[in-house]
């Protein structure tokens, strides 16, 4: 059973940042992995998605690249995804414009204390919870009949249309990527997509990270792996911040301005019987520049049971995870307690 909230919504981080002074104690990260002054750069493979959409002679080469990427670091930079640079810039611009509005304007779209959807920041579930140095706008975008349009900003005027168009395009890409993931393991192409389901959910989250006076002590987002099947991240064009854990070492993820960073979530790791890795990642802060990103989490239908594809269960690689429905509800209970949700379904 989920824990209940212990206090009302915390102040917008933007407000704390503009007030100056020392950040509240609750934002200080006390993890044993620490925040070092510098980190190595992760070599994230670049994969050409257009090769999967047609019978390209390069398809096999790109499938190999895809398989190696998501079975080692768990993510890749997707290029030739069918979206223009100007459209991706528009997506960033509507988000930046929204977060630049006065607090009163943004608070028209505030989330309820017992909900995640809308404008706000961390759900506060316990008194000793470390808070993230970020404000968010969190919206269910698919299925369309589940959208709460009262939480979708009306300013800037183009916000709703741009986000809707992005959702439509990502729905097509999700199918393409899940089928390519299956083909990269020489499996029937629908085996992951069938578990994902026609009525799967997509949740968009604009993340805003104001400058932070103590980047040596405070994280934009705590270490976690995603509860999705896959996640699409549109990075800030100029300001790095995302880090991925590989071989027990944190690495900075480079920016490829008009690529989409795609990472595997826990549910695809389960379906692949651990062949694909759902990477632990976090966001570091910096003292000089604000940063904004847009993440879209693609979540299998809650009523569909997911589990390892039978062909991937062998004597050499026994079944690693039990079958489960509605992994996301389990995910949130464990994540805020600092536990790795996927560990609870390991056999």
Protein backbone atom coordinates (compact mmCIF):
# COMPACT_ATOMS: atom_id res chain seq x y z
CA UNK A 1 0.00 0.00 0.00
CA UNK A 2 1.34 3.48 -0.87
CA UNK A 3 2.38 5.75 1.97
CA UNK A 4 0.29 8.83 2.61
CA UNK A 5 1.55 12.37 2.19
CA UNK A 6 2.95 13.92 5.33
CA UNK A 7 2.96 17.56 4.32
CA UNK A 8 1.60 19.88 1.62
CA UNK A 9 3.42 20.64 -1.62
CA UNK A 10 6.90 22.06 -1.21
CA UNK A 11 7.74 25.54 -2.52
CA UNK A 12 8.64 25.85 -6.20
CA UNK A 13 12.40 25.39 -6.52
CA UNK A 14 12.46 28.40 -8.87
CA UNK A 15 11.31 30.50 -5.92
CA UNK A 16 14.02 29.09 -3.63
CA UNK A 17 16.64 29.75 -6.31
CA UNK A 18 15.56 33.37 -6.86
CA UNK A 19 15.52 34.08 -3.10
CA UNK A 20 19.22 33.19 -2.86
CA UNK A 21 20.84 32.03 0.36
CA UNK A 22 21.64 28.50 1.48
CA UNK A 23 19.25 25.83 0.18
CA UNK A 24 17.06 24.05 2.76
CA UNK A 25 18.60 21.00 4.41
CA UNK A 26 15.99 18.72 2.78
CA UNK A 27 17.61 19.14 -0.64
CA UNK A 28 21.06 17.93 0.43
CA UNK A 29 21.88 14.56 -1.12
CA UNK A 30 23.40 12.06 1.33
CA UNK A 31 24.03 9.14 -1.00
CA UNK A 32 27.31 7.28 -0.60
CA UNK A 33 28.13 7.81 -4.32
CA UNK A 34 28.55 11.57 -3.74
CA UNK A 35 28.74 14.38 -6.30
CA UNK A 36 32.29 14.73 -7.64
CA UNK A 37 33.63 17.97 -9.20
CA UNK A 38 33.96 16.27 -12.62
CA UNK A 39 32.86 13.09 -14.36
CA UNK A 40 33.96 11.18 -17.49
CA UNK A 41 31.82 11.41 -20.64
CA UNK A 42 29.73 8.38 -21.60
CA UNK A 43 30.09 7.17 -25.18
CA UNK A 44 26.43 6.84 -26.12
CA UNK A 45 25.91 5.04 -29.47
CA UNK A 46 24.07 7.00 -32.17
CA UNK A 47 21.40 4.93 -33.93
CA UNK A 48 19.72 5.87 -37.23
CA UNK A 49 15.99 5.11 -36.78
CA UNK A 50 15.24 5.60 -40.49
CA UNK A 51 17.00 2.27 -41.15
CA UNK A 52 14.26 0.44 -39.22
CA UNK A 53 11.40 2.15 -41.04
CA UNK A 54 12.43 0.87 -44.48
CA UNK A 55 14.27 -2.13 -45.88
CA UNK A 56 17.61 -0.34 -45.59
CA UNK A 57 20.82 -2.26 -46.38
CA UNK A 58 22.15 -0.72 -43.14
CA UNK A 59 19.34 -2.13 -40.98
CA UNK A 60 21.37 -5.10 -39.66
CA UNK A 61 24.28 -2.86 -38.74
CA UNK A 62 21.97 -0.45 -36.87
CA UNK A 63 20.20 -3.37 -35.11
CA UNK A 64 23.59 -4.58 -33.84
CA UNK A 65 24.39 -1.09 -32.63
CA UNK A 66 20.99 -0.86 -30.92
CA UNK A 67 21.41 -4.22 -29.18
CA UNK A 68 24.92 -3.40 -27.93
CA UNK A 69 23.81 0.03 -26.70
CA UNK A 70 20.82 -1.08 -24.67
CA UNK A 71 22.48 -4.19 -23.27
CA UNK A 72 25.49 -2.21 -22.02
CA UNK A 73 24.67 1.40 -21.07
CA UNK A 74 20.89 1.05 -21.56
CA UNK A 75 20.46 4.09 -23.82
CA UNK A 76 21.19 5.47 -27.28
CA UNK A 77 20.95 8.72 -29.23
CA UNK A 78 18.26 8.37 -31.92
CA UNK A 79 18.73 10.37 -35.12
CA UNK A 80 16.60 10.53 -38.29
CA UNK A 81 13.50 10.12 -36.14
CA UNK A 82 11.25 12.02 -38.55
CA UNK A 83 11.02 15.32 -36.62
CA UNK A 84 12.51 18.57 -37.85
CA UNK A 85 15.02 20.55 -35.81
CA UNK A 86 12.61 23.48 -35.76
CA UNK A 87 9.80 21.32 -34.33
CA UNK A 88 12.06 20.06 -31.50
CA UNK A 89 13.10 23.65 -30.81
CA UNK A 90 9.41 24.59 -30.60
CA UNK A 91 8.85 21.83 -28.01
CA UNK A 92 11.67 23.26 -25.93
CA UNK A 93 10.48 26.84 -26.38
CA UNK A 94 6.92 26.24 -25.14
CA UNK A 95 8.32 24.60 -22.01
CA UNK A 96 10.85 27.35 -21.35
CA UNK A 97 8.18 30.00 -21.88
CA UNK A 98 5.84 28.26 -19.41
CA UNK A 99 8.49 28.09 -16.67
CA UNK A 100 9.40 31.74 -17.25
CA UNK A 101 5.86 32.89 -16.34
CA UNK A 102 5.13 34.33 -12.87
CA UNK A 103 4.37 31.74 -10.17
CA UNK A 104 0.65 32.70 -10.11
CA UNK A 105 0.27 31.78 -13.80
CA UNK A 106 1.97 28.42 -13.37
CA UNK A 107 0.00 27.63 -10.23
CA UNK A 108 -3.23 27.62 -12.25
CA UNK A 109 -2.05 24.16 -13.32
CA UNK A 110 -0.82 22.95 -9.92
CA UNK A 111 -1.16 19.31 -9.05
CA UNK A 112 -3.29 18.20 -6.12
CA UNK A 113 -1.43 17.08 -2.98
CA UNK A 114 -2.42 13.46 -3.58
CA UNK A 115 -1.67 13.43 -7.31
CA UNK A 116 1.41 13.56 -9.52
CA UNK A 117 -0.23 15.21 -12.54
CA UNK A 118 0.13 18.96 -13.11
CA UNK A 119 2.69 21.62 -12.14
CA UNK A 120 4.75 21.09 -9.01
CA UNK A 121 7.70 19.12 -7.70
CA UNK A 122 8.41 16.09 -5.51
CA UNK A 123 5.55 14.25 -3.83
CA UNK A 124 6.59 14.39 -0.19
CA UNK A 125 5.99 10.95 1.27
CA UNK A 126 8.22 10.89 4.33
CA UNK A 127 9.97 13.32 6.64
CA UNK A 128 13.45 12.08 5.79
CA UNK A 129 12.97 12.17 2.01
CA UNK A 130 15.64 14.09 0.06
CA UNK A 131 13.98 16.52 -2.36
CA UNK A 132 15.00 17.13 -5.98
CA UNK A 133 16.17 20.55 -7.16
CA UNK A 134 13.62 20.74 -9.98
CA UNK A 135 10.11 21.89 -10.84
CA UNK A 136 7.97 19.83 -13.21
CA UNK A 137 4.94 19.84 -15.41
CA UNK A 138 3.68 16.26 -15.50
CA UNK A 139 0.89 15.35 -17.94
CA UNK A 140 -0.79 12.14 -19.11
CA UNK A 141 -0.83 12.47 -22.91
CA UNK A 142 -2.05 9.00 -23.94
CA UNK A 143 -4.65 7.49 -24.09
CA UNK A 144 -6.17 10.78 -25.21
CA UNK A 145 -9.39 10.24 -23.26
CA UNK A 146 -7.36 10.26 -20.04
CA UNK A 147 -5.92 13.73 -20.59
CA UNK A 148 -6.80 16.28 -17.92
CA UNK A 149 -6.83 19.31 -20.18
CA UNK A 150 -7.43 21.69 -17.27
CA UNK A 151 -3.79 20.96 -16.33
CA UNK A 152 -2.46 21.64 -19.86
CA UNK A 153 -1.23 25.25 -20.03
CA UNK A 154 -3.21 27.60 -22.25
CA UNK A 155 -0.20 29.89 -22.34
CA UNK A 156 1.88 29.83 -24.44
CA UNK A 157 -0.95 29.42 -26.93
CA UNK A 158 0.82 26.78 -29.01
CA UNK A 159 1.64 24.57 -25.99
CA UNK A 160 -1.24 22.11 -26.36
CA UNK A 161 -0.93 21.71 -30.14
CA UNK A 162 2.83 21.20 -30.05
CA UNK A 163 2.70 18.62 -27.25
CA UNK A 164 -0.18 16.80 -28.95
CA UNK A 165 1.75 16.61 -32.24
CA UNK A 166 4.83 15.28 -30.42
CA UNK A 167 2.71 12.59 -28.75
CA UNK A 168 1.34 11.43 -32.11
CA UNK A 169 4.87 11.17 -33.54
CA UNK A 170 6.22 9.35 -30.48
CA UNK A 171 3.44 6.77 -30.64
CA UNK A 172 4.73 5.75 -34.08
CA UNK A 173 8.35 5.76 -32.89
CA UNK A 174 7.54 3.63 -29.83
CA UNK A 175 6.21 0.83 -32.03
CA UNK A 176 9.22 1.16 -34.35
CA UNK A 177 11.73 0.99 -31.48
CA UNK A 178 10.04 -1.90 -29.62
CA UNK A 179 9.96 -3.93 -32.84
CA UNK A 180 13.60 -3.10 -33.59
CA UNK A 181 14.54 -4.18 -30.04
CA UNK A 182 12.90 -7.57 -30.69
CA UNK A 183 14.57 -7.95 -34.10
CA UNK A 184 17.96 -7.08 -32.59
CA UNK A 185 17.63 -10.30 -30.52
CA UNK A 186 16.37 -12.32 -33.53
CA UNK A 187 12.91 -12.57 -31.99
CA UNK A 188 9.51 -12.23 -33.65
CA UNK A 189 9.14 -8.47 -34.08
CA UNK A 190 5.87 -8.10 -32.14
CA UNK A 191 6.89 -9.94 -28.97
CA UNK A 192 7.63 -6.77 -26.95
CA UNK A 193 5.02 -4.62 -28.67
CA UNK A 194 2.24 -7.15 -27.91
CA UNK A 195 3.06 -6.91 -24.19
CA UNK A 196 3.11 -3.12 -24.48
CA UNK A 197 -0.50 -3.08 -25.75
CA UNK A 198 -2.60 -0.85 -27.99
CA UNK A 199 -3.92 1.20 -25.04
CA UNK A 200 -0.53 1.87 -23.48
CA UNK A 201 0.02 5.10 -21.54
CA UNK A 202 2.40 7.94 -22.29
CA UNK A 203 3.30 10.51 -19.69
CA UNK A 204 5.12 13.72 -20.60
CA UNK A 205 7.18 15.53 -18.01
CA UNK A 206 8.80 18.91 -18.57
CA UNK A 207 11.67 19.23 -16.07
CA UNK A 208 13.01 22.64 -15.08
CA UNK A 209 16.29 22.91 -13.13
CA UNK A 210 17.03 26.43 -11.85
CA UNK A 211 20.67 27.37 -11.07
CA UNK A 212 21.65 25.77 -7.76
CA UNK A 213 23.94 27.48 -5.23
CA UNK A 214 25.37 24.13 -4.04
CA UNK A 215 25.82 21.76 -7.01
CA UNK A 216 28.38 19.88 -4.88
CA UNK A 217 25.62 18.85 -2.45
CA UNK A 218 22.32 18.88 -4.36
CA UNK A 219 20.90 16.82 -7.25
CA UNK A 220 18.28 17.83 -9.80
CA UNK A 221 16.88 14.29 -9.68
CA UNK A 222 17.90 11.47 -7.32
CA UNK A 223 19.35 8.22 -8.74
CA UNK A 224 16.62 6.01 -10.21
CA UNK A 225 15.76 3.78 -13.14
CA UNK A 226 12.56 4.40 -15.11
CA UNK A 227 9.40 2.32 -14.60
CA UNK A 228 8.58 2.57 -18.32
CA UNK A 229 9.13 0.20 -21.24
CA UNK A 230 11.15 2.96 -22.92
CA UNK A 231 11.64 6.67 -22.25
CA UNK A 232 12.26 9.44 -24.79
CA UNK A 233 14.29 12.40 -23.54
CA UNK A 234 14.62 15.68 -25.38
CA UNK A 235 17.69 17.18 -23.75
CA UNK A 236 18.45 20.84 -23.18
CA UNK A 237 20.35 22.01 -26.27
CA UNK A 238 23.21 23.58 -24.35
CA UNK A 239 23.34 22.54 -20.70
CA UNK A 240 24.38 19.03 -19.69
CA UNK A 241 23.17 17.45 -16.46
CA UNK A 242 22.08 13.87 -17.10
CA UNK A 243 24.33 11.13 -15.74
CA UNK A 244 24.17 7.35 -16.19
CA UNK A 245 25.65 4.73 -13.88
CA UNK A 246 27.79 2.19 -15.73
CA UNK A 247 30.23 -0.24 -14.08
CA UNK A 248 29.59 1.48 -10.72
CA UNK A 249 30.79 4.83 -12.08
CA UNK A 250 28.73 7.94 -12.92
CA UNK A 251 29.20 9.27 -16.47
CA UNK A 252 27.96 12.51 -18.06
CA UNK A 253 25.65 11.96 -21.02
CA UNK A 254 26.64 14.23 -23.93
CA UNK A 255 24.16 16.44 -25.77
CA UNK A 256 23.33 15.72 -29.40
CA UNK A 257 21.08 18.77 -29.96
CA UNK A 258 18.48 17.30 -32.33
CA UNK A 259 18.68 13.64 -31.34
CA UNK A 260 16.25 11.98 -28.95
CA UNK A 261 17.94 10.13 -26.12
CA UNK A 262 16.06 6.85 -25.70
CA UNK A 263 16.58 4.64 -22.68
CA UNK A 264 15.25 1.26 -21.63
CA UNK A 265 12.96 1.20 -18.59
CA UNK A 266 12.43 -1.55 -16.02
CA UNK A 267 9.51 -3.08 -17.94
CA UNK A 268 11.62 -3.71 -21.07
CA UNK A 269 14.36 -5.18 -18.87
CA UNK A 270 11.74 -7.59 -17.48
CA UNK A 271 10.41 -8.49 -20.96
CA UNK A 272 13.95 -9.12 -22.25
CA UNK A 273 14.78 -11.33 -19.24
CA UNK A 274 17.58 -8.96 -18.31
CA UNK A 275 19.19 -8.85 -21.78
CA UNK A 276 18.46 -5.11 -21.94
CA UNK A 277 19.52 -2.94 -19.02
CA UNK A 278 17.31 -0.29 -17.44
CA UNK A 279 20.04 2.17 -16.46
CA UNK A 280 20.28 3.95 -13.13
CA UNK A 281 20.52 7.67 -13.87
CA UNK A 282 20.36 11.01 -12.09
CA UNK A 283 20.60 14.73 -12.83
CA UNK A 284 23.31 17.00 -11.47
CA UNK A 285 22.80 20.73 -10.97
CA UNK A 286 25.00 23.70 -11.79
CA UNK A 287 25.35 27.11 -10.21
CA UNK A 288 25.20 29.27 -13.32
CA UNK A 289 22.64 28.08 -15.82
CA UNK A 290 19.08 26.88 -15.81
CA UNK A 291 18.31 23.67 -17.70
CA UNK A 292 15.11 22.27 -19.16
CA UNK A 293 14.29 18.86 -20.61
CA UNK A 294 11.21 16.95 -21.77
CA UNK A 295 10.89 13.27 -20.85
CA UNK A 296 8.11 11.04 -22.19
CA UNK A 297 7.57 7.73 -20.41
CA UNK A 298 5.96 4.94 -22.45
CA UNK A 299 4.15 2.56 -20.11
CA UNK A 300 2.58 -0.79 -21.06
CA UNK A 301 -1.17 -1.19 -20.55
CA UNK A 302 -1.76 -1.72 -16.82
CA UNK A 303 -4.09 -4.69 -17.44
CA UNK A 304 -1.63 -6.62 -19.60
CA UNK A 305 0.62 -9.09 -17.80
CA UNK A 306 4.25 -8.54 -18.72
CA UNK A 307 7.06 -11.03 -18.26
CA UNK A 308 10.18 -12.42 -19.93
CA UNK A 309 9.67 -13.50 -23.55
CA UNK A 310 9.74 -17.33 -23.50
CA UNK A 311 12.49 -17.59 -26.17
CA UNK A 312 14.82 -15.63 -23.88
CA UNK A 313 14.43 -18.11 -21.00
CA UNK A 314 17.06 -20.85 -21.41
CA UNK A 315 19.14 -23.19 -19.25
CA UNK A 316 22.05 -20.76 -19.51
CA UNK A 317 19.76 -17.82 -18.78
CA UNK A 318 16.96 -18.95 -16.43
CA UNK A 319 13.86 -16.82 -15.88
CA UNK A 320 14.98 -13.73 -13.92
CA UNK A 321 11.61 -12.02 -13.30
CA UNK A 322 8.09 -13.10 -12.42
CA UNK A 323 5.09 -11.98 -14.48
CA UNK A 324 3.37 -8.83 -13.28
CA UNK A 325 0.50 -6.46 -14.10
CA UNK A 326 0.53 -2.72 -13.41
CA UNK A 327 4.23 -2.48 -12.55
CA UNK A 328 3.91 1.31 -12.22
CA UNK A 329 1.92 1.19 -8.98
CA UNK A 330 4.60 -1.01 -7.45
CA UNK A 331 7.26 1.31 -8.88
CA UNK A 332 6.16 4.47 -7.04
CA UNK A 333 5.77 2.72 -3.69
CA UNK A 334 9.36 1.50 -3.85
CA UNK A 335 11.04 4.45 -5.55
CA UNK A 336 10.19 7.02 -2.88
CA UNK A 337 11.47 4.61 -0.21
CA UNK A 338 14.82 4.50 -2.00
CA UNK A 339 14.37 0.88 -3.16
CA UNK A 340 14.95 -0.36 -6.70
CA UNK A 341 11.43 -1.34 -7.88
CA UNK A 342 12.61 -4.00 -10.35
CA UNK A 343 14.27 -5.93 -7.50
CA UNK A 344 10.83 -6.70 -6.06
CA UNK A 345 9.89 -8.81 -9.14
CA UNK A 346 13.20 -10.69 -9.38
CA UNK A 347 13.01 -14.43 -8.87
